[in-house]
Amino acid sequence: MGLTIAPPPVPRTGAALRAAVLEALVLAGHLLLYPTGIGPERLAEPDPVRGAAGPDRAAGAAGPDGSAGADTTATATADTTGGHAYPPVLLLHGFTDNRSVFVLLRRALGAGGRRRVETYNYSPFTRDLRVTARHLARRVEELCERSGQDRVDLVGHSLGGLVARYYVQRLGGDARVRTLVTLGTPHGGTRVAPFMDAHPLVRQMRPGSPVMAELAAPVPGCRTRCVAFWSEFDALMEPTGTARIAHPDLNPTNVQVTGIGHLALPVHPAVVTAVRRVLDGPLRAVDSAPAATPSDASATTPVTGPTSAPTLPAGDGSRGTARTGLHGRAV
C-alpha cells in the first residue's frame, strides 16, 4: 500500500525558487567535499563468515562432535549477517561525481552498526555504463564474500542507479541484490544538455538508445525490489517523469519528492529517512513473499502535515506499483 504525504499549498514559483536555492547550497557544499571522495575508500575488515561453525556447516547440520546445529531462522540470520542487523549496502554515485556525495546518507544508513555501508567509485572517464556494470558485479561479489552474506542492497544516484539497474536486469544481479533504490535516475532516458551528445556515456542515457532498449526488454521473475525516488524539480531529468521506473516486470515503487532538486536528493533529511526505511525491511522474505495484489498495489492514503514522515512499503518482496508522495520539507 502506498502512502501519500500531502504538502501544504505552496505557489509553484515559490517552491521552484526554494528548490533552486537549496540546489545552490548543496552544490557549494559538495564542491568543498569533492576532493575527499576522489580516492577509493578503505574497505572494512571481513565479517565473521557463517558464524563460528564455518562456511561449510549448514544450519541444522551436525557438528564435528555430533551435536545438532542451530536450525532456527533467527540463528541462521545471525550467522550470515556478520553481527549486523541488515544486509550490506553499496552506494553508487552519478556522472562525473564521486563517493563524497553520500556523506550524510552513508552515516544515516550505518548508524548504530545496523549494517555495513560501502561506496563504489567508478572511473570518471568511463565511456560505457555496461562495462561499469560488469565492474559493479565483481564489486558486489567481493562485498558478499567479505560480509559473509548472500545478498546486498544497492543505492544509486543519477547514473549510478542506471548502472545498478543494468547489473540487476542484464547481468543476473537480481540473484545478489535484495533492494535497488535509485535517486534521480533517468530510467527512460533524458534529453537534457544536447550539446553533450559527443560523450558516449551521455548518448547511452538518451531515450531510445541501445542501452535503454536493453533495459526495456522483458525480465520475468526479477527477484530485486526496485524503488525509485523522483522530483518534479529535478532539472537533469527531461521529461521529469523519466526518473520513474515503468518496467512492468519490475513492478516498482515510485516515490515522488516535491521541492527538491537533483543534487539534493542524496542529502536531504526527508529522502535520507525514506531510503533508510525502505532498506529496514525484513531480511529473508524477499525471496519467498508473494507479490502484492493489484488492489494492494494501487491503494493510497492521503496524509497531511508538513512534518509528517513517510511510511514506505517494507522491503519484503511485495513489489507494489504504488507511488508514494514525499514533501521535501518533511524530516
Protein backbone atom coordinates (compact mmCIF):
# COMPACT_ATOMS: atom_id res chain seq x y z
CA MET A 1 0.00 0.00 0.00
CA GLY A 2 1.29 3.44 -0.84
CA LEU A 3 1.17 6.47 1.42
CA THR A 4 0.81 10.00 0.08
CA ILE A 5 2.29 12.82 2.11
CA ALA A 6 0.25 15.84 1.04
CA PRO A 7 2.31 19.07 1.11
CA PRO A 8 0.79 22.37 2.22
CA PRO A 9 -0.25 24.57 -0.69
CA VAL A 10 2.76 26.50 -1.97
CA PRO A 11 2.83 28.61 -5.15
CA ARG A 12 4.78 26.71 -7.78
CA THR A 13 7.07 29.66 -8.38
CA GLY A 14 7.89 29.82 -4.67
CA ALA A 15 8.56 26.09 -4.48
CA ALA A 16 10.78 26.26 -7.55
CA LEU A 17 12.75 29.15 -6.09
CA ARG A 18 13.20 27.31 -2.81
CA ALA A 19 14.40 24.20 -4.65
CA ALA A 20 16.86 26.28 -6.71
CA VAL A 21 18.32 27.90 -3.60
CA LEU A 22 18.69 24.50 -1.94
CA GLU A 23 20.44 23.15 -5.06
CA ALA A 24 22.92 26.04 -4.97
CA LEU A 25 23.69 25.43 -1.29
CA VAL A 26 24.13 21.69 -1.84
CA LEU A 27 26.41 22.33 -4.83
CA ALA A 28 28.61 24.68 -2.80
CA GLY A 29 28.93 22.13 -0.01
CA HIS A 30 29.60 19.30 -2.42
CA LEU A 31 32.38 21.21 -4.16
CA LEU A 32 34.13 21.51 -0.80
CA LEU A 33 33.77 17.80 -0.08
CA TYR A 34 34.51 16.56 -3.60
CA PRO A 35 38.31 16.23 -3.13
CA THR A 36 37.76 13.94 -0.14
CA GLY A 37 35.99 11.38 -2.32
CA ILE A 38 38.36 11.18 -5.27
CA GLY A 39 40.31 8.19 -3.99
CA PRO A 40 38.82 4.78 -3.18
CA GLU A 41 37.66 4.20 0.35
CA ARG A 42 39.44 1.94 2.79
CA LEU A 43 37.43 -1.25 2.94
CA ALA A 44 36.32 -2.65 6.27
CA GLU A 45 37.71 -5.91 7.60
CA PRO A 46 35.75 -9.07 6.70
CA ASP A 47 32.89 -10.01 8.98
CA PRO A 48 32.86 -13.46 10.64
CA VAL A 49 31.55 -15.71 7.88
CA ARG A 50 28.65 -18.07 8.62
CA GLY A 51 29.25 -17.92 12.35
CA ALA A 52 31.68 -19.99 14.41
CA ALA A 53 30.62 -23.19 12.68
CA GLY A 54 32.35 -22.10 9.48
CA PRO A 55 31.07 -21.58 5.94
CA ASP A 56 30.52 -25.27 5.15
CA ARG A 57 28.26 -26.05 8.08
CA ALA A 58 24.62 -25.53 7.20
CA ALA A 59 22.00 -24.56 9.75
CA GLY A 60 20.69 -27.69 11.42
CA ALA A 61 23.68 -29.84 10.37
CA ALA A 62 25.56 -31.85 12.96
CA GLY A 63 28.90 -30.53 14.18
CA PRO A 64 32.17 -32.47 14.44
CA ASP A 65 31.18 -33.71 17.89
CA GLY A 66 27.80 -34.95 16.72
CA SER A 67 25.86 -32.08 18.28
CA ALA A 68 22.97 -30.68 16.30
CA GLY A 69 23.44 -27.33 14.64
CA ALA A 70 21.00 -24.46 15.12
CA ASP A 71 18.08 -24.58 12.74
CA THR A 72 16.07 -21.50 13.68
CA THR A 73 15.62 -18.60 11.30
CA ALA A 74 16.96 -16.15 13.87
CA THR A 75 20.17 -18.09 14.37
CA ALA A 76 20.68 -18.67 10.67
CA THR A 77 20.22 -14.96 10.03
CA ALA A 78 22.70 -14.05 12.75
CA ASP A 79 25.22 -16.49 11.29
CA THR A 80 25.08 -14.84 7.89
CA THR A 81 24.98 -11.18 8.82
CA GLY A 82 28.35 -10.88 10.49
CA GLY A 83 26.82 -9.18 13.54
CA HIS A 84 24.90 -6.58 11.51
CA ALA A 85 21.11 -6.35 11.59
CA TYR A 86 20.69 -5.81 7.84
CA PRO A 87 22.43 -6.77 4.58
CA PRO A 88 25.31 -4.57 3.44
CA VAL A 89 24.62 -1.53 1.27
CA LEU A 90 26.68 -0.37 -1.69
CA LEU A 91 26.29 3.27 -2.79
CA LEU A 92 26.90 4.34 -6.41
CA HIS A 93 27.44 7.98 -7.37
CA GLY A 94 26.40 9.76 -10.55
CA PHE A 95 28.08 11.05 -13.71
CA THR A 96 31.47 12.78 -13.03
CA ASP A 97 30.75 12.60 -9.29
CA ASN A 98 32.33 10.51 -6.51
CA ARG A 99 31.57 8.91 -3.16
CA SER A 100 31.65 12.23 -1.28
CA VAL A 101 28.03 12.83 -2.32
CA PHE A 102 26.95 10.11 0.13
CA VAL A 103 28.49 11.51 3.33
CA LEU A 104 25.13 12.05 5.05
CA LEU A 105 23.29 9.07 3.58
CA ARG A 106 26.10 6.71 4.48
CA ARG A 107 26.17 7.92 8.08
CA ALA A 108 22.40 7.51 8.44
CA LEU A 109 22.28 4.02 6.94
CA GLY A 110 25.13 2.75 9.09
CA ALA A 111 24.04 4.42 12.33
CA GLY A 112 24.24 2.14 15.35
CA GLY A 113 26.17 -0.50 13.43
CA ARG A 114 22.94 -1.77 11.86
CA ARG A 115 24.61 -2.51 8.54
CA ARG A 116 27.88 -2.36 6.64
CA VAL A 117 27.79 0.58 4.20
CA GLU A 118 30.35 0.98 1.43
CA THR A 119 30.70 3.12 -1.67
CA TYR A 120 31.78 2.24 -5.18
CA ASN A 121 33.86 4.87 -7.01
CA TYR A 122 33.78 4.08 -10.71
CA SER A 123 36.10 5.96 -13.06
CA PRO A 124 35.07 9.49 -14.12
CA PHE A 125 36.46 8.57 -17.53
CA THR A 126 34.11 5.64 -18.08
CA ARG A 127 32.60 5.60 -21.55
CA ASP A 128 30.21 2.65 -21.33
CA LEU A 129 27.85 2.04 -18.42
CA ARG A 130 27.66 -1.65 -19.39
CA VAL A 131 31.37 -2.04 -18.67
CA THR A 132 30.89 -0.24 -15.35
CA ALA A 133 28.00 -2.60 -14.55
CA ARG A 134 30.32 -5.58 -15.06
CA HIS A 135 32.84 -3.99 -12.69
CA LEU A 136 29.98 -3.48 -10.23
CA ALA A 137 29.15 -7.19 -10.47
CA ARG A 138 32.66 -8.06 -9.32
CA ARG A 139 32.47 -5.47 -6.55
CA VAL A 140 29.20 -6.97 -5.28
CA GLU A 141 30.69 -10.48 -5.28
CA GLU A 142 33.66 -9.21 -3.30
CA LEU A 143 31.36 -7.46 -0.82
CA CYS A 144 29.31 -10.64 -0.34
CA GLU A 145 32.48 -12.61 0.30
CA ARG A 146 33.82 -10.14 2.87
CA SER A 147 30.48 -9.71 4.64
CA GLY A 148 29.54 -13.39 4.59
CA GLN A 149 26.14 -12.58 3.09
CA ASP A 150 24.34 -13.77 0.01
CA ARG A 151 22.54 -10.53 -0.86
CA VAL A 152 23.17 -6.80 -0.75
CA ASP A 153 21.20 -3.58 -1.20
CA LEU A 154 22.18 -1.01 -3.83
CA VAL A 155 21.51 2.75 -3.75
CA GLY A 156 22.36 4.70 -6.89
CA HIS A 157 22.21 8.43 -7.54
CA SER A 158 21.61 9.55 -11.13
CA LEU A 159 23.80 7.47 -13.49
CA GLY A 160 24.73 5.20 -10.56
CA GLY A 161 21.14 4.00 -10.43
CA LEU A 162 21.19 3.19 -14.13
CA VAL A 163 24.43 1.20 -13.76
CA ALA A 164 22.90 -0.73 -10.86
CA ARG A 165 19.70 -1.43 -12.77
CA TYR A 166 21.64 -2.72 -15.78
CA TYR A 167 23.52 -5.08 -13.46
CA VAL A 168 20.26 -6.32 -11.92
CA GLN A 169 18.40 -6.79 -15.21
CA ARG A 170 21.07 -7.77 -17.73
CA LEU A 171 23.87 -9.40 -15.74
CA GLY A 172 21.92 -11.60 -13.32
CA GLY A 173 22.34 -9.18 -10.44
CA ASP A 174 18.85 -9.92 -9.13
CA ALA A 175 20.35 -13.05 -7.55
CA ARG A 176 22.52 -10.82 -5.36
CA VAL A 177 20.55 -7.59 -4.95
CA ARG A 178 17.70 -7.60 -2.43
CA THR A 179 16.62 -3.98 -2.94
CA LEU A 180 17.62 -1.38 -5.53
CA VAL A 181 16.95 2.26 -4.64
CA THR A 182 17.52 4.94 -7.27
CA LEU A 183 17.63 8.70 -6.71
CA GLY A 184 17.05 10.93 -9.73
CA THR A 185 17.98 8.23 -12.26
CA PRO A 186 16.99 8.67 -15.95
CA HIS A 187 15.27 5.29 -16.28
CA GLY A 188 13.56 6.32 -19.51
CA GLY A 189 16.45 8.41 -20.77
CA THR A 190 16.90 12.19 -20.53
CA ARG A 191 17.09 14.84 -23.26
CA VAL A 192 18.84 17.44 -21.12
CA ALA A 193 22.08 19.10 -22.36
CA PRO A 194 22.01 18.06 -26.04
CA PHE A 195 25.41 19.70 -26.52
CA MET A 196 26.96 16.81 -24.54
CA ASP A 197 25.97 14.14 -27.06
CA ALA A 198 29.60 13.81 -28.10
CA HIS A 199 30.19 11.83 -24.90
CA PRO A 200 29.31 8.14 -25.47
CA LEU A 201 28.03 7.74 -21.90
CA VAL A 202 25.63 10.64 -22.37
CA ARG A 203 24.36 9.08 -25.61
CA GLN A 204 23.59 5.89 -23.69
CA MET A 205 21.33 7.91 -21.39
CA ARG A 206 19.24 9.28 -24.26
CA PRO A 207 15.70 7.99 -24.88
CA GLY A 208 15.73 5.22 -27.48
CA SER A 209 19.44 4.39 -27.09
CA PRO A 210 20.55 0.73 -27.34
CA VAL A 211 21.09 0.67 -23.57
CA MET A 212 17.55 1.95 -22.97
CA ALA A 213 16.27 -0.74 -25.34
CA GLU A 214 18.10 -3.40 -23.32
CA LEU A 215 16.58 -2.12 -20.10
CA ALA A 216 13.12 -2.19 -21.66
CA ALA A 217 13.47 -5.88 -22.56
CA PRO A 218 11.39 -8.41 -20.54
CA VAL A 219 12.85 -9.61 -17.23
CA PRO A 220 10.26 -12.07 -15.88
CA GLY A 221 10.80 -13.26 -12.35
CA CYS A 222 13.19 -10.48 -11.32
CA ARG A 223 13.97 -11.04 -7.63
CA THR A 224 15.05 -7.48 -6.80
CA ARG A 225 12.69 -4.97 -5.24
CA CYS A 226 13.00 -1.62 -7.04
CA VAL A 227 12.24 1.78 -5.50
CA ALA A 228 12.75 5.00 -7.50
CA PHE A 229 12.76 8.49 -5.98
CA TRP A 230 11.99 11.32 -8.40
CA SER A 231 11.22 15.04 -8.18
CA GLU A 232 9.40 17.47 -10.42
CA PHE A 233 12.22 19.96 -9.75
CA ASP A 234 14.98 17.65 -10.98
CA ALA A 235 16.44 19.83 -13.74
CA LEU A 236 18.52 16.99 -15.20
CA MET A 237 15.51 14.82 -15.94
CA GLU A 238 13.78 15.76 -19.21
CA PRO A 239 10.99 14.89 -19.16
CA THR A 240 10.69 14.94 -15.37
CA GLY A 241 8.84 11.63 -15.16
CA THR A 242 11.76 9.80 -16.75
CA ALA A 243 13.18 9.20 -13.26
CA ARG A 244 10.31 6.79 -12.58
CA ILE A 245 10.64 3.09 -13.33
CA ALA A 246 7.89 1.98 -15.71
CA HIS A 247 9.03 -1.57 -16.48
CA PRO A 248 6.08 -3.95 -15.86
CA ASP A 249 8.28 -6.91 -14.86
CA LEU A 250 9.97 -4.89 -12.12
CA ASN A 251 6.66 -3.83 -10.53
CA PRO A 252 8.42 -0.88 -8.85
CA THR A 253 7.52 1.62 -6.16
CA ASN A 254 7.98 5.20 -7.46
CA VAL A 255 8.38 7.82 -4.74
CA GLN A 256 7.65 11.42 -5.70
CA VAL A 257 9.67 14.04 -3.84
CA THR A 258 8.48 17.65 -4.06
CA GLY A 259 10.55 20.77 -3.59
CA ILE A 260 13.94 19.04 -4.02
CA GLY A 261 16.34 19.20 -6.97
CA HIS A 262 18.74 16.66 -8.43
CA LEU A 263 21.77 17.35 -6.24
CA ALA A 264 19.76 17.49 -3.02
CA LEU A 265 18.22 14.03 -3.41
CA PRO A 266 21.05 12.08 -1.69
CA VAL A 267 21.48 14.61 1.13
CA HIS A 268 18.03 15.90 2.07
CA PRO A 269 16.91 14.60 5.51
CA ALA A 270 13.47 13.59 4.23
CA VAL A 271 14.92 11.46 1.44
CA VAL A 272 17.63 10.00 3.68
CA THR A 273 14.98 8.96 6.20
CA ALA A 274 12.79 7.43 3.49
CA VAL A 275 15.68 5.46 1.98
CA ARG A 276 16.61 4.11 5.40
CA ARG A 277 13.03 2.95 5.98
CA VAL A 278 12.94 1.24 2.59
CA LEU A 279 16.07 -0.73 3.47
CA ASP A 280 14.97 -1.54 7.01
CA GLY A 281 12.54 -4.21 5.81
CA PRO A 282 12.67 -7.93 6.69
CA LEU A 283 15.84 -9.75 5.69
CA ARG A 284 14.77 -13.02 4.11
CA ALA A 285 11.15 -12.66 2.99
CA VAL A 286 12.22 -11.05 -0.30
CA ASP A 287 12.87 -14.48 -1.80
CA SER A 288 9.55 -16.04 -0.82
CA ALA A 289 6.88 -13.39 -0.19
CA PRO A 290 4.12 -13.20 -2.80
CA ALA A 291 3.80 -10.13 -4.97
CA ALA A 292 1.26 -7.51 -3.95
CA THR A 293 -2.21 -7.87 -5.39
CA PRO A 294 -3.39 -5.14 -7.76
CA SER A 295 -5.76 -3.77 -5.13
CA ASP A 296 -2.97 -3.50 -2.56
CA ALA A 297 -0.53 -2.03 -5.06
CA SER A 298 -2.76 0.81 -6.16
CA ALA A 299 -4.07 1.87 -2.77
CA THR A 300 -3.16 5.31 -1.47
CA THR A 301 -3.87 7.03 1.82
CA PRO A 302 -3.79 10.84 1.98
CA VAL A 303 -1.92 12.21 4.98
CA THR A 304 -1.47 15.89 5.70
CA GLY A 305 1.10 17.75 7.72
CA PRO A 306 4.40 19.36 6.65
CA THR A 307 6.39 17.39 9.21
CA SER A 308 4.84 14.00 8.56
CA ALA A 309 7.50 11.37 7.92
CA PRO A 310 6.80 8.90 5.12
CA THR A 311 5.92 5.29 5.81
CA LEU A 312 7.03 3.28 2.80
CA PRO A 313 6.21 -0.31 1.97
CA ALA A 314 8.52 -2.67 3.83
CA GLY A 315 11.29 -4.39 1.91
CA ASP A 316 9.51 -7.72 1.98
CA GLY A 317 9.33 -8.61 -1.67
CA SER A 318 5.83 -7.18 -2.16
CA ARG A 319 6.93 -5.02 -5.05
CA GLY A 320 3.80 -2.88 -5.42
CA THR A 321 3.27 -0.22 -8.06
CA ALA A 322 2.06 2.39 -5.62
CA ARG A 323 3.59 5.82 -5.96
CA THR A 324 4.47 7.46 -2.68
CA GLY A 325 4.49 11.25 -2.41
CA LEU A 326 7.09 12.82 -0.10
CA HIS A 327 7.30 16.50 0.64
CA GLY A 328 10.79 17.93 0.64
CA ARG A 329 10.33 19.74 3.94
CA ALA A 330 9.44 16.61 5.89
CA VAL A 331 12.14 15.44 8.27
